[in-house]
Structure formats: structure tokens, C-alpha cells
Amino acid sequence: MTQTVALKPVIELLFPAGETRRFVGEWGEVLTIGDLSAGTYRLNRTGTGE
């Protein structure tokens, strides 16, 4: 049996208040993250594709 895993680009964004949100895109498409207010955001490097 062959197992196939479809990996997708994933961005986990840490918001200034400590909330983490995950955004999953598709290869070859643009992923737009809107509704961001002023502040410092961090990318979580531990995210994995689904």
C-alpha cells in the first residue's frame, strides 16, 4: 500500500495578545492575511502541512 500525504503551505501567526491562528494555502496561489492591526506579530516555525 502506498501512502500519499498532500502537504500544503501553512503559516501559524502569533498575535500580540498571545492568540495563535493558522492559515493554510494551496501551492501556486496567493495567501492573503487581512484584518491585522498595528502591533508585532511572529511566525511560528513549527507549523506543518495538512
C-alpha atoms as a PDB file:
ATOM      1  CA  MET A   1       0.000   0.000   0.000  1.00  0.00           C
ATOM      2  CA  THR A   2       1.284   3.454  -0.893  1.00  0.00           C
ATOM      3  CA  GLN A   3       0.611   6.332   1.468  1.00  0.00           C
ATOM      4  CA  THR A   4       0.194   9.783  -0.043  1.00  0.00           C
ATOM      5  CA  VAL A   5       0.463  12.966   2.009  1.00  0.00           C
ATOM      6  CA  ALA A   6      -0.658  16.234   0.450  1.00  0.00           C
ATOM      7  CA  LEU A   7       1.481  18.925   2.064  1.00  0.00           C
ATOM      8  CA  LYS A   8       0.166  22.461   1.924  1.00  0.00           C
ATOM      9  CA  PRO A   9       1.873  25.741   2.814  1.00  0.00           C
ATOM     10  CA  VAL A  10       0.928  26.668   6.384  1.00  0.00           C
ATOM     11  CA  ILE A  11       1.529  29.882   8.304  1.00  0.00           C
ATOM     12  CA  GLU A  12       0.942  29.976  12.053  1.00  0.00           C
ATOM     13  CA  LEU A  13       0.755  33.589  13.188  1.00  0.00           C
ATOM     14  CA  LEU A  14       1.190  34.604  16.835  1.00  0.00           C
ATOM     15  CA  PHE A  15      -0.813  37.759  17.552  1.00  0.00           C
ATOM     16  CA  PRO A  16       0.301  40.432  20.073  1.00  0.00           C
ATOM     17  CA  ALA A  17      -2.332  39.247  22.603  1.00  0.00           C
ATOM     18  CA  GLY A  18      -0.921  35.698  22.509  1.00  0.00           C
ATOM     19  CA  GLU A  19      -3.564  34.164  20.233  1.00  0.00           C
ATOM     20  CA  THR A  20      -2.270  31.820  17.516  1.00  0.00           C
ATOM     21  CA  ARG A  21      -4.099  31.465  14.207  1.00  0.00           C
ATOM     22  CA  ARG A  22      -3.281  29.035  11.442  1.00  0.00           C
ATOM     23  CA  PHE A  23      -3.646  29.878   7.762  1.00  0.00           C
ATOM     24  CA  VAL A  24      -3.449  27.082   5.174  1.00  0.00           C
ATOM     25  CA  GLY A  25      -2.961  27.836   1.492  1.00  0.00           C
ATOM     26  CA  GLU A  26      -2.533  25.979  -1.770  1.00  0.00           C
ATOM     27  CA  TRP A  27       0.684  25.733  -3.781  1.00  0.00           C
ATOM     28  CA  GLY A  28       0.808  28.248  -6.628  1.00  0.00           C
ATOM     29  CA  GLU A  29      -1.847  30.502  -5.081  1.00  0.00           C
ATOM     30  CA  VAL A  30      -1.529  33.726  -3.089  1.00  0.00           C
ATOM     31  CA  LEU A  31      -2.440  33.547   0.600  1.00  0.00           C
ATOM     32  CA  THR A  32      -3.634  36.921   1.900  1.00  0.00           C
ATOM     33  CA  ILE A  33      -3.952  37.517   5.635  1.00  0.00           C
ATOM     34  CA  GLY A  34      -6.128  40.540   6.349  1.00  0.00           C
ATOM     35  CA  ASP A  35      -7.651  42.298   9.357  1.00  0.00           C
ATOM     36  CA  LEU A  36      -4.304  42.861  11.062  1.00  0.00           C
ATOM     37  CA  SER A  37      -3.978  45.838  13.385  1.00  0.00           C
ATOM     38  CA  ALA A  38      -0.819  47.652  14.412  1.00  0.00           C
ATOM     39  CA  GLY A  39       1.485  45.511  16.517  1.00  0.00           C
ATOM     40  CA  THR A  40       4.254  42.961  16.429  1.00  0.00           C
ATOM     41  CA  TYR A  41       3.381  39.551  15.010  1.00  0.00           C
ATOM     42  CA  ARG A  42       5.511  36.413  14.993  1.00  0.00           C
ATOM     43  CA  LEU A  43       5.572  33.438  12.668  1.00  0.00           C
ATOM     44  CA  ASN A  44       5.526  30.028  14.317  1.00  0.00           C
ATOM     45  CA  ARG A  45       8.097  27.820  12.587  1.00  0.00           C
ATOM     46  CA  THR A  46       6.690  24.563  13.959  1.00  0.00           C
ATOM     47  CA  GLY A  47       3.644  24.526  11.673  1.00  0.00           C
ATOM     48  CA  THR A  48       3.195  21.530   9.381  1.00  0.00           C
ATOM     49  CA  GLY A  49       1.172  20.954   6.241  1.00  0.00           C
ATOM     50  CA  GLU A  50      -2.085  19.070   6.367  1.00  0.00           C
END
